[in-house]
Amino acid sequence: MTTSDPYRDLPEYRDASGLMAPIPASHGQRRMPDEGFFTGPAVGERLPDFALRAASGKVIDFHTDRGNSKAAVVFLRSAVW
């Protein structure tokens, strides 16, 4: 089964990184954040205390759950927020 790209002939929907979205790249939601935009702790810096809900519904405290183990936290979201 072949899926066609409905935006192939609409270059305004492709941003400088080559990502496609259903809104033009010039739309406010797709612009790069202003300088000084806080992106979180630096690599190697301790994360603040936080808890997240697992798929099972159980609340997991990040620092308590991992103990002394090292960890990586990855958050994924779409190109269009």
Foldseek 3Di string as FASTA:
>chain_A
DDDDDPCPVPCQQQDPVRDGDPDGCPDPQNDDDDPPDDPADDVPDDHDWDWDADPVRDIGTVCVVQPPDDDDDDDDDDSGD
